[in-house]
PDB file of all heavy atoms in Angstrom:
ATOM      1  N   PRO A   1     -25.733  14.225  -9.940  1.00  0.00           N
ATOM      2  CA  PRO A   1     -26.604  13.751 -10.987  1.00  0.00           C
ATOM      3  C   PRO A   1     -28.054  14.053 -10.630  1.00  0.00           C
ATOM      4  O   PRO A   1     -28.410  14.282  -9.499  1.00  0.00           O
ATOM      5  CB  PRO A   1     -26.350  12.276 -10.997  1.00  0.00           C
ATOM      6  CG  PRO A   1     -25.750  11.908  -9.686  1.00  0.00           C
ATOM      7  CD  PRO A   1     -25.000  13.168  -9.209  1.00  0.00           C
ATOM      8  N   ALA A   2     -28.854  14.073 -11.623  1.00  0.00           N
ATOM      9  CA  ALA A   2     -30.287  14.339 -11.431  1.00  0.00           C
ATOM     10  C   ALA A   2     -30.940  13.400 -10.422  1.00  0.00           C
ATOM     11  O   ALA A   2     -30.707  12.193 -10.399  1.00  0.00           O
ATOM     12  CB  ALA A   2     -31.070  14.254 -12.743  1.00  0.00           C
ATOM     13  N   GLY A   3     -31.714  14.042  -9.511  1.00  0.00           N
ATOM     14  CA  GLY A   3     -32.395  13.224  -8.532  1.00  0.00           C
ATOM     15  C   GLY A   3     -31.607  12.964  -7.229  1.00  0.00           C
ATOM     16  O   GLY A   3     -32.183  12.364  -6.262  1.00  0.00           O
ATOM     17  N   LEU A   4     -30.414  13.385  -7.178  1.00  0.00           N
ATOM     18  CA  LEU A   4     -29.642  13.231  -5.932  1.00  0.00           C
ATOM     19  C   LEU A   4     -29.440  14.553  -5.272  1.00  0.00           C
ATOM     20  O   LEU A   4     -28.923  15.507  -5.782  1.00  0.00           O
ATOM     21  CB  LEU A   4     -28.205  12.653  -6.258  1.00  0.00           C
ATOM     22  CG  LEU A   4     -27.257  12.368  -5.144  1.00  0.00           C
ATOM     23  CD1 LEU A   4     -27.863  11.288  -4.200  1.00  0.00           C
ATOM     24  CD2 LEU A   4     -25.909  11.888  -5.610  1.00  0.00           C
ATOM     25  N   LYS A   5     -29.908  14.619  -3.971  1.00  0.00           N
ATOM     26  CA  LYS A   5     -29.782  15.791  -3.182  1.00  0.00           C
ATOM     27  C   LYS A   5     -28.306  16.187  -2.966  1.00  0.00           C
ATOM     28  O   LYS A   5     -27.446  15.304  -2.880  1.00  0.00           O
ATOM     29  CB  LYS A   5     -30.424  15.644  -1.821  1.00  0.00           C
ATOM     30  CG  LYS A   5     -31.878  16.131  -1.819  1.00  0.00           C
ATOM     31  CD  LYS A   5     -32.441  15.973  -0.361  1.00  0.00           C
ATOM     32  CE  LYS A   5     -32.283  17.192   0.464  1.00  0.00           C
ATOM     33  NZ  LYS A   5     -31.770  16.975   1.793  1.00  0.00           N
ATOM     34  N   TYR A   6     -28.014  17.469  -2.930  1.00  0.00           N
ATOM     35  CA  TYR A   6     -26.648  17.945  -2.871  1.00  0.00           C
ATOM     36  C   TYR A   6     -25.873  17.426  -1.640  1.00  0.00           C
ATOM     37  O   TYR A   6     -24.714  17.007  -1.698  1.00  0.00           O
ATOM     38  CB  TYR A   6     -26.535  19.409  -3.000  1.00  0.00           C
ATOM     39  CG  TYR A   6     -25.172  19.987  -3.129  1.00  0.00           C
ATOM     40  CD1 TYR A   6     -24.448  19.743  -4.333  1.00  0.00           C
ATOM     41  CD2 TYR A   6     -24.510  20.608  -2.119  1.00  0.00           C
ATOM     42  CE1 TYR A   6     -23.115  20.226  -4.427  1.00  0.00           C
ATOM     43  CE2 TYR A   6     -23.213  21.126  -2.210  1.00  0.00           C
ATOM     44  CZ  TYR A   6     -22.509  20.863  -3.405  1.00  0.00           C
ATOM     45  OH  TYR A   6     -21.206  21.304  -3.521  1.00  0.00           O
ATOM     46  N   ASP A   7     -26.570  17.483  -0.472  1.00  0.00           N
ATOM     47  CA  ASP A   7     -25.884  17.021   0.712  1.00  0.00           C
ATOM     48  C   ASP A   7     -25.563  15.520   0.665  1.00  0.00           C
ATOM     49  O   ASP A   7     -24.553  15.108   1.221  1.00  0.00           O
ATOM     50  CB  ASP A   7     -26.705  17.389   2.021  1.00  0.00           C
ATOM     51  CG  ASP A   7     -28.134  16.888   1.942  1.00  0.00           C
ATOM     52  OD1 ASP A   7     -28.600  16.489   0.861  1.00  0.00           O
ATOM     53  OD2 ASP A   7     -28.770  16.913   3.036  1.00  0.00           O
ATOM     54  N   HIS A   8     -26.409  14.736  -0.009  1.00  0.00           N
ATOM     55  CA  HIS A   8     -26.103  13.328  -0.221  1.00  0.00           C
ATOM     56  C   HIS A   8     -24.872  13.151  -1.129  1.00  0.00           C
ATOM     57  O   HIS A   8     -24.049  12.333  -0.879  1.00  0.00           O
ATOM     58  CB  HIS A   8     -27.296  12.563  -0.822  1.00  0.00           C
ATOM     59  CG  HIS A   8     -28.413  12.380   0.175  1.00  0.00           C
ATOM     60  ND1 HIS A   8     -28.782  11.185   0.716  1.00  0.00           N
ATOM     61  CD2 HIS A   8     -29.276  13.302   0.684  1.00  0.00           C
ATOM     62  CE1 HIS A   8     -29.805  11.306   1.560  1.00  0.00           C
ATOM     63  NE2 HIS A   8     -30.167  12.595   1.543  1.00  0.00           N
ATOM     64  N   PHE A   9     -24.853  13.926  -2.136  1.00  0.00           N
ATOM     65  CA  PHE A   9     -23.753  13.885  -3.141  1.00  0.00           C
ATOM     66  C   PHE A   9     -22.406  14.200  -2.388  1.00  0.00           C
ATOM     67  O   PHE A   9     -21.411  13.539  -2.579  1.00  0.00           O
ATOM     68  CB  PHE A   9     -24.055  15.018  -4.190  1.00  0.00           C
ATOM     69  CG  PHE A   9     -22.969  15.162  -5.180  1.00  0.00           C
ATOM     70  CD1 PHE A   9     -22.602  14.218  -6.100  1.00  0.00           C
ATOM     71  CD2 PHE A   9     -22.285  16.411  -5.291  1.00  0.00           C
ATOM     72  CE1 PHE A   9     -21.595  14.406  -7.064  1.00  0.00           C
ATOM     73  CE2 PHE A   9     -21.315  16.650  -6.253  1.00  0.00           C
ATOM     74  CZ  PHE A   9     -20.965  15.586  -7.103  1.00  0.00           C
ATOM     75  N   VAL A  10     -22.417  15.262  -1.506  1.00  0.00           N
ATOM     76  CA  VAL A  10     -21.213  15.639  -0.798  1.00  0.00           C
ATOM     77  C   VAL A  10     -20.857  14.537   0.219  1.00  0.00           C
ATOM     78  O   VAL A  10     -19.638  14.209   0.383  1.00  0.00           O
ATOM     79  CB  VAL A  10     -21.401  16.997  -0.083  1.00  0.00           C
ATOM     80  CG1 VAL A  10     -20.203  17.338   0.753  1.00  0.00           C
ATOM     81  CG2 VAL A  10     -21.698  18.099  -1.080  1.00  0.00           C
ATOM     82  N   GLY A  11     -21.878  13.937   0.870  1.00  0.00           N
ATOM     83  CA  GLY A  11     -21.681  12.890   1.820  1.00  0.00           C
ATOM     84  C   GLY A  11     -20.973  11.669   1.198  1.00  0.00           C
ATOM     85  O   GLY A  11     -20.127  11.075   1.789  1.00  0.00           O
ATOM     86  N   GLU A  12     -21.312  11.337  -0.043  1.00  0.00           N
ATOM     87  CA  GLU A  12     -20.690  10.229  -0.737  1.00  0.00           C
ATOM     88  C   GLU A  12     -19.238  10.573  -0.967  1.00  0.00           C
ATOM     89  O   GLU A  12     -18.406   9.648  -0.840  1.00  0.00           O
ATOM     90  CB  GLU A  12     -21.358   9.985  -2.089  1.00  0.00           C
ATOM     91  CG  GLU A  12     -22.794   9.366  -1.887  1.00  0.00           C
ATOM     92  CD  GLU A  12     -23.523   9.231  -3.285  1.00  0.00           C
ATOM     93  OE1 GLU A  12     -22.915   9.513  -4.319  1.00  0.00           O
ATOM     94  OE2 GLU A  12     -24.642   8.741  -3.227  1.00  0.00           O
ATOM     95  N   ALA A  13     -18.906  11.827  -1.318  1.00  0.00           N
ATOM     96  CA  ALA A  13     -17.535  12.211  -1.497  1.00  0.00           C
ATOM     97  C   ALA A  13     -16.733  12.081  -0.186  1.00  0.00           C
ATOM     98  O   ALA A  13     -15.565  11.697  -0.175  1.00  0.00           O
ATOM     99  CB  ALA A  13     -17.485  13.595  -2.101  1.00  0.00           C
ATOM    100  N   TYR A  14     -17.383  12.512   0.917  1.00  0.00           N
ATOM    101  CA  TYR A  14     -16.782  12.419   2.231  1.00  0.00           C
ATOM    102  C   TYR A  14     -16.353  11.038   2.628  1.00  0.00           C
ATOM    103  O   TYR A  14     -15.238  10.730   3.024  1.00  0.00           O
ATOM    104  CB  TYR A  14     -17.736  13.006   3.228  1.00  0.00           C
ATOM    105  CG  TYR A  14     -17.351  12.914   4.689  1.00  0.00           C
ATOM    106  CD1 TYR A  14     -16.489  13.829   5.221  1.00  0.00           C
ATOM    107  CD2 TYR A  14     -17.948  11.965   5.499  1.00  0.00           C
ATOM    108  CE1 TYR A  14     -16.155  13.761   6.590  1.00  0.00           C
ATOM    109  CE2 TYR A  14     -17.598  11.875   6.846  1.00  0.00           C
ATOM    110  CZ  TYR A  14     -16.704  12.762   7.416  1.00  0.00           C
ATOM    111  OH  TYR A  14     -16.393  12.660   8.684  1.00  0.00           O
ATOM    112  N   VAL A  15     -17.322  10.080   2.400  1.00  0.00           N
ATOM    113  CA  VAL A  15     -17.054   8.683   2.674  1.00  0.00           C
ATOM    114  C   VAL A  15     -15.940   8.145   1.806  1.00  0.00           C
ATOM    115  O   VAL A  15     -14.998   7.400   2.227  1.00  0.00           O
ATOM    116  CB  VAL A  15     -18.330   7.835   2.608  1.00  0.00           C
ATOM    117  CG1 VAL A  15     -17.984   6.378   2.708  1.00  0.00           C
ATOM    118  CG2 VAL A  15     -19.363   8.254   3.622  1.00  0.00           C
ATOM    119  N   ARG A  16     -15.950   8.520   0.537  1.00  0.00           N
ATOM    120  CA  ARG A  16     -15.032   8.083  -0.440  1.00  0.00           C
ATOM    121  C   ARG A  16     -13.614   8.550  -0.044  1.00  0.00           C
ATOM    122  O   ARG A  16     -12.606   7.763  -0.207  1.00  0.00           O
ATOM    123  CB  ARG A  16     -15.416   8.593  -1.836  1.00  0.00           C
ATOM    124  CG  ARG A  16     -14.592   8.025  -3.038  1.00  0.00           C
ATOM    125  CD  ARG A  16     -15.207   8.605  -4.276  1.00  0.00           C
ATOM    126  NE  ARG A  16     -14.247   8.493  -5.367  1.00  0.00           N
ATOM    127  CZ  ARG A  16     -14.423   9.102  -6.576  1.00  0.00           C
ATOM    128  NH1 ARG A  16     -15.521   9.883  -6.783  1.00  0.00           N
ATOM    129  NH2 ARG A  16     -13.530   8.966  -7.558  1.00  0.00           N
ATOM    130  N   LEU A  17     -13.493   9.825   0.412  1.00  0.00           N
ATOM    131  CA  LEU A  17     -12.214  10.356   0.851  1.00  0.00           C
ATOM    132  C   LEU A  17     -11.623   9.530   1.953  1.00  0.00           C
ATOM    133  O   LEU A  17     -10.450   9.244   2.081  1.00  0.00           O
ATOM    134  CB  LEU A  17     -12.369  11.826   1.234  1.00  0.00           C
ATOM    135  CG  LEU A  17     -11.043  12.544   1.548  1.00  0.00           C
ATOM    136  CD1 LEU A  17     -10.299  12.863   0.222  1.00  0.00           C
ATOM    137  CD2 LEU A  17     -11.324  13.859   2.300  1.00  0.00           C
ATOM    138  N   HIS A  18     -12.491   9.177   2.945  1.00  0.00           N
ATOM    139  CA  HIS A  18     -11.990   8.362   4.120  1.00  0.00           C
ATOM    140  C   HIS A  18     -11.510   6.998   3.687  1.00  0.00           C
ATOM    141  O   HIS A  18     -10.553   6.458   4.280  1.00  0.00           O
ATOM    142  CB  HIS A  18     -13.058   8.290   5.219  1.00  0.00           C
ATOM    143  CG  HIS A  18     -13.040   9.499   6.077  1.00  0.00           C
ATOM    144  ND1 HIS A  18     -12.321   9.483   7.278  1.00  0.00           N
ATOM    145  CD2 HIS A  18     -13.647  10.698   6.014  1.00  0.00           C
ATOM    146  CE1 HIS A  18     -12.454  10.663   7.860  1.00  0.00           C
ATOM    147  NE2 HIS A  18     -13.278  11.417   7.148  1.00  0.00           N
ATOM    148  N   ARG A  19     -12.090   6.473   2.670  1.00  0.00           N
ATOM    149  CA  ARG A  19     -11.620   5.184   2.138  1.00  0.00           C
ATOM    150  C   ARG A  19     -10.228   5.355   1.448  1.00  0.00           C
ATOM    151  O   ARG A  19      -9.329   4.536   1.621  1.00  0.00           O
ATOM    152  CB  ARG A  19     -12.597   4.614   1.090  1.00  0.00           C
ATOM    153  CG  ARG A  19     -13.878   4.123   1.740  1.00  0.00           C
ATOM    154  CD  ARG A  19     -14.800   3.507   0.748  1.00  0.00           C
ATOM    155  NE  ARG A  19     -16.099   3.115   1.342  1.00  0.00           N
ATOM    156  CZ  ARG A  19     -17.222   3.294   0.823  1.00  0.00           C
ATOM    157  NH1 ARG A  19     -17.351   3.798  -0.436  1.00  0.00           N
ATOM    158  NH2 ARG A  19     -18.385   2.955   1.442  1.00  0.00           N
ATOM    159  N   GLU A  20     -10.075   6.464   0.782  1.00  0.00           N
ATOM    160  CA  GLU A  20      -8.763   6.817   0.105  1.00  0.00           C
ATOM    161  C   GLU A  20      -7.676   6.945   1.217  1.00  0.00           C
ATOM    162  O   GLU A  20      -6.523   6.559   1.025  1.00  0.00           O
ATOM    163  CB  GLU A  20      -8.844   8.113  -0.647  1.00  0.00           C
ATOM    164  CG  GLU A  20      -9.684   7.996  -1.946  1.00  0.00           C
ATOM    165  CD  GLU A  20      -8.782   7.459  -3.106  1.00  0.00           C
ATOM    166  OE1 GLU A  20      -7.774   8.066  -3.468  1.00  0.00           O
ATOM    167  OE2 GLU A  20      -9.157   6.371  -3.618  1.00  0.00           O
ATOM    168  N   MET A  21      -8.081   7.502   2.411  1.00  0.00           N
ATOM    169  CA  MET A  21      -7.080   7.821   3.437  1.00  0.00           C
ATOM    170  C   MET A  21      -6.599   6.516   4.085  1.00  0.00           C
ATOM    171  O   MET A  21      -5.666   6.537   4.924  1.00  0.00           O
ATOM    172  CB  MET A  21      -7.684   8.755   4.466  1.00  0.00           C
ATOM    173  CG  MET A  21      -7.838  10.200   3.940  1.00  0.00           C
ATOM    174  SD  MET A  21      -8.781  11.231   5.084  1.00  0.00           S
ATOM    175  CE  MET A  21      -7.559  11.543   6.320  1.00  0.00           C
ATOM    176  N   GLU A  22      -7.227   5.400   3.794  1.00  0.00           N
ATOM    177  CA  GLU A  22      -6.681   4.100   4.357  1.00  0.00           C
ATOM    178  C   GLU A  22      -5.401   3.775   3.679  1.00  0.00           C
ATOM    179  O   GLU A  22      -4.667   2.901   4.179  1.00  0.00           O
ATOM    180  CB  GLU A  22      -7.775   3.032   4.119  1.00  0.00           C
ATOM    181  CG  GLU A  22      -9.030   3.273   4.964  1.00  0.00           C
ATOM    182  CD  GLU A  22     -10.158   2.251   4.592  1.00  0.00           C
ATOM    183  OE1 GLU A  22      -9.901   1.346   3.785  1.00  0.00           O
ATOM    184  OE2 GLU A  22     -11.248   2.414   5.143  1.00  0.00           O
ATOM    185  N   ASP A  23      -5.105   4.359   2.554  1.00  0.00           N
ATOM    186  CA  ASP A  23      -3.802   4.119   1.871  1.00  0.00           C
ATOM    187  C   ASP A  23      -2.825   5.159   2.395  1.00  0.00           C
ATOM    188  O   ASP A  23      -2.997   6.368   2.261  1.00  0.00           O
ATOM    189  CB  ASP A  23      -3.987   4.383   0.369  1.00  0.00           C
ATOM    190  CG  ASP A  23      -2.717   4.119  -0.425  1.00  0.00           C
ATOM    191  OD1 ASP A  23      -1.669   4.254   0.131  1.00  0.00           O
ATOM    192  OD2 ASP A  23      -2.826   3.813  -1.636  1.00  0.00           O
ATOM    193  N   PRO A  24      -1.769   4.719   3.100  1.00  0.00           N
ATOM    194  CA  PRO A  24      -0.812   5.620   3.763  1.00  0.00           C
ATOM    195  C   PRO A  24      -0.179   6.617   2.792  1.00  0.00           C
ATOM    196  O   PRO A  24       0.069   7.758   3.178  1.00  0.00           O
ATOM    197  CB  PRO A  24       0.226   4.691   4.334  1.00  0.00           C
ATOM    198  CG  PRO A  24      -0.463   3.364   4.525  1.00  0.00           C
ATOM    199  CD  PRO A  24      -1.432   3.290   3.348  1.00  0.00           C
ATOM    200  N   GLU A  25       0.034   6.224   1.610  1.00  0.00           N
ATOM    201  CA  GLU A  25       0.731   7.114   0.581  1.00  0.00           C
ATOM    202  C   GLU A  25      -0.249   8.262   0.236  1.00  0.00           C
ATOM    203  O   GLU A  25       0.206   9.393   0.028  1.00  0.00           O
ATOM    204  CB  GLU A  25       1.146   6.339  -0.656  1.00  0.00           C
ATOM    205  CG  GLU A  25       2.265   5.329  -0.357  1.00  0.00           C
ATOM    206  CD  GLU A  25       2.722   4.605  -1.702  1.00  0.00           C
ATOM    207  OE1 GLU A  25       2.223   5.020  -2.743  1.00  0.00           O
ATOM    208  OE2 GLU A  25       3.512   3.668  -1.596  1.00  0.00           O
ATOM    209  N   LYS A  26      -1.507   7.909   0.079  1.00  0.00           N
ATOM    210  CA  LYS A  26      -2.469   8.978  -0.293  1.00  0.00           C
ATOM    211  C   LYS A  26      -2.829   9.853   0.942  1.00  0.00           C
ATOM    212  O   LYS A  26      -3.190  11.004   0.750  1.00  0.00           O
ATOM    213  CB  LYS A  26      -3.739   8.307  -0.858  1.00  0.00           C
ATOM    214  CG  LYS A  26      -3.540   7.620  -2.192  1.00  0.00           C
ATOM    215  CD  LYS A  26      -4.806   6.999  -2.667  1.00  0.00           C
ATOM    216  CE  LYS A  26      -4.620   6.262  -3.964  1.00  0.00           C
ATOM    217  NZ  LYS A  26      -5.899   5.642  -4.481  1.00  0.00           N
ATOM    218  N   LYS A  27      -2.764   9.227   2.072  1.00  0.00           N
ATOM    219  CA  LYS A  27      -3.209   9.983   3.300  1.00  0.00           C
ATOM    220  C   LYS A  27      -2.446  11.254   3.516  1.00  0.00           C
ATOM    221  O   LYS A  27      -3.044  12.264   3.863  1.00  0.00           O
ATOM    222  CB  LYS A  27      -3.116   9.040   4.512  1.00  0.00           C
ATOM    223  CG  LYS A  27      -3.656   9.691   5.788  1.00  0.00           C
ATOM    224  CD  LYS A  27      -3.667   8.729   6.945  1.00  0.00           C
ATOM    225  CE  LYS A  27      -4.269   9.380   8.150  1.00  0.00           C
ATOM    226  NZ  LYS A  27      -4.261   8.490   9.354  1.00  0.00           N
ATOM    227  N   ALA A  28      -1.180  11.245   3.308  1.00  0.00           N
ATOM    228  CA  ALA A  28      -0.333  12.409   3.585  1.00  0.00           C
ATOM    229  C   ALA A  28      -0.721  13.630   2.646  1.00  0.00           C
ATOM    230  O   ALA A  28      -0.904  14.751   3.136  1.00  0.00           O
ATOM    231  CB  ALA A  28       1.155  12.125   3.364  1.00  0.00           C
ATOM    232  N   ALA A  29      -0.963  13.333   1.414  1.00  0.00           N
ATOM    233  CA  ALA A  29      -1.325  14.370   0.477  1.00  0.00           C
ATOM    234  C   ALA A  29      -2.758  14.881   0.795  1.00  0.00           C
ATOM    235  O   ALA A  29      -2.982  16.066   0.673  1.00  0.00           O
ATOM    236  CB  ALA A  29      -1.252  13.824  -0.977  1.00  0.00           C
ATOM    237  N   ILE A  30      -3.560  13.943   1.131  1.00  0.00           N
ATOM    238  CA  ILE A  30      -4.958  14.344   1.481  1.00  0.00           C
ATOM    239  C   ILE A  30      -4.946  15.218   2.737  1.00  0.00           C
ATOM    240  O   ILE A  30      -5.653  16.247   2.792  1.00  0.00           O
ATOM    241  CB  ILE A  30      -5.857  13.112   1.684  1.00  0.00           C
ATOM    242  CG1 ILE A  30      -6.124  12.398   0.333  1.00  0.00           C
ATOM    243  CG2 ILE A  30      -7.159  13.499   2.289  1.00  0.00           C
ATOM    244  CD1 ILE A  30      -6.844  11.059   0.473  1.00  0.00           C
ATOM    245  N   GLU A  31      -4.167  14.890   3.745  1.00  0.00           N
ATOM    246  CA  GLU A  31      -4.079  15.589   4.944  1.00  0.00           C
ATOM    247  C   GLU A  31      -3.652  17.009   4.720  1.00  0.00           C
ATOM    248  O   GLU A  31      -4.189  17.986   5.261  1.00  0.00           O
ATOM    249  CB  GLU A  31      -3.172  14.923   5.925  1.00  0.00           C
ATOM    250  CG  GLU A  31      -3.071  15.592   7.285  1.00  0.00           C
ATOM    251  CD  GLU A  31      -4.411  15.690   8.019  1.00  0.00           C
ATOM    252  OE1 GLU A  31      -5.228  14.756   7.856  1.00  0.00           O
ATOM    253  OE2 GLU A  31      -4.620  16.677   8.744  1.00  0.00           O
ATOM    254  N   GLN A  32      -2.663  17.186   3.801  1.00  0.00           N
ATOM    255  CA  GLN A  32      -2.166  18.536   3.421  1.00  0.00           C
ATOM    256  C   GLN A  32      -3.330  19.345   2.808  1.00  0.00           C
ATOM    257  O   GLN A  32      -3.494  20.538   3.133  1.00  0.00           O
ATOM    258  CB  GLN A  32      -0.997  18.436   2.479  1.00  0.00           C
ATOM    259  CG  GLN A  32      -0.407  19.825   2.190  1.00  0.00           C
ATOM    260  CD  GLN A  32       0.805  19.679   1.257  1.00  0.00           C
ATOM    261  OE1 GLN A  32       1.292  18.592   1.004  1.00  0.00           O
ATOM    262  NE2 GLN A  32       1.258  20.839   0.689  1.00  0.00           N
ATOM    263  N   GLY A  33      -4.053  18.702   1.933  1.00  0.00           N
ATOM    264  CA  GLY A  33      -5.167  19.437   1.250  1.00  0.00           C
ATOM    265  C   GLY A  33      -6.275  19.796   2.264  1.00  0.00           C
ATOM    266  O   GLY A  33      -6.847  20.873   2.096  1.00  0.00           O
ATOM    267  N   VAL A  34      -6.535  18.925   3.150  1.00  0.00           N
ATOM    268  CA  VAL A  34      -7.561  19.176   4.215  1.00  0.00           C
ATOM    269  C   VAL A  34      -7.139  20.403   5.077  1.00  0.00           C
ATOM    270  O   VAL A  34      -7.922  21.265   5.396  1.00  0.00           O
ATOM    271  CB  VAL A  34      -7.794  17.924   5.065  1.00  0.00           C
ATOM    272  CG1 VAL A  34      -8.674  18.293   6.308  1.00  0.00           C
ATOM    273  CG2 VAL A  34      -8.522  16.861   4.260  1.00  0.00           C
ATOM    274  N   GLN A  35      -5.825  20.416   5.424  1.00  0.00           N
ATOM    275  CA  GLN A  35      -5.340  21.521   6.250  1.00  0.00           C
ATOM    276  C   GLN A  35      -5.481  22.837   5.543  1.00  0.00           C
ATOM    277  O   GLN A  35      -5.854  23.881   6.087  1.00  0.00           O
ATOM    278  CB  GLN A  35      -3.921  21.271   6.683  1.00  0.00           C
ATOM    279  CG  GLN A  35      -3.716  20.185   7.759  1.00  0.00           C
ATOM    280  CD  GLN A  35      -4.515  20.480   9.033  1.00  0.00           C
ATOM    281  OE1 GLN A  35      -4.572  21.566   9.474  1.00  0.00           O
ATOM    282  NE2 GLN A  35      -5.173  19.469   9.612  1.00  0.00           N
ATOM    283  N   GLU A  36      -5.137  22.838   4.196  1.00  0.00           N
ATOM    284  CA  GLU A  36      -5.245  24.065   3.410  1.00  0.00           C
ATOM    285  C   GLU A  36      -6.705  24.512   3.346  1.00  0.00           C
ATOM    286  O   GLU A  36      -7.027  25.741   3.424  1.00  0.00           O
ATOM    287  CB  GLU A  36      -4.693  23.830   1.953  1.00  0.00           C
ATOM    288  CG  GLU A  36      -3.217  23.623   1.955  1.00  0.00           C
ATOM    289  CD  GLU A  36      -2.746  23.209   0.507  1.00  0.00           C
ATOM    290  OE1 GLU A  36      -3.588  22.984  -0.315  1.00  0.00           O
ATOM    291  OE2 GLU A  36      -1.472  23.060   0.330  1.00  0.00           O
TER     292      GLU A  36
END
């Protein structure tokens, strides 16, 4: 969004992904995507 630096934008997504990985069911699918 306007006014948000790109590296901050990506950093928010990075933190959000780690919160998602706290769910065991989601973690496996995420791990596969990270490896790819």
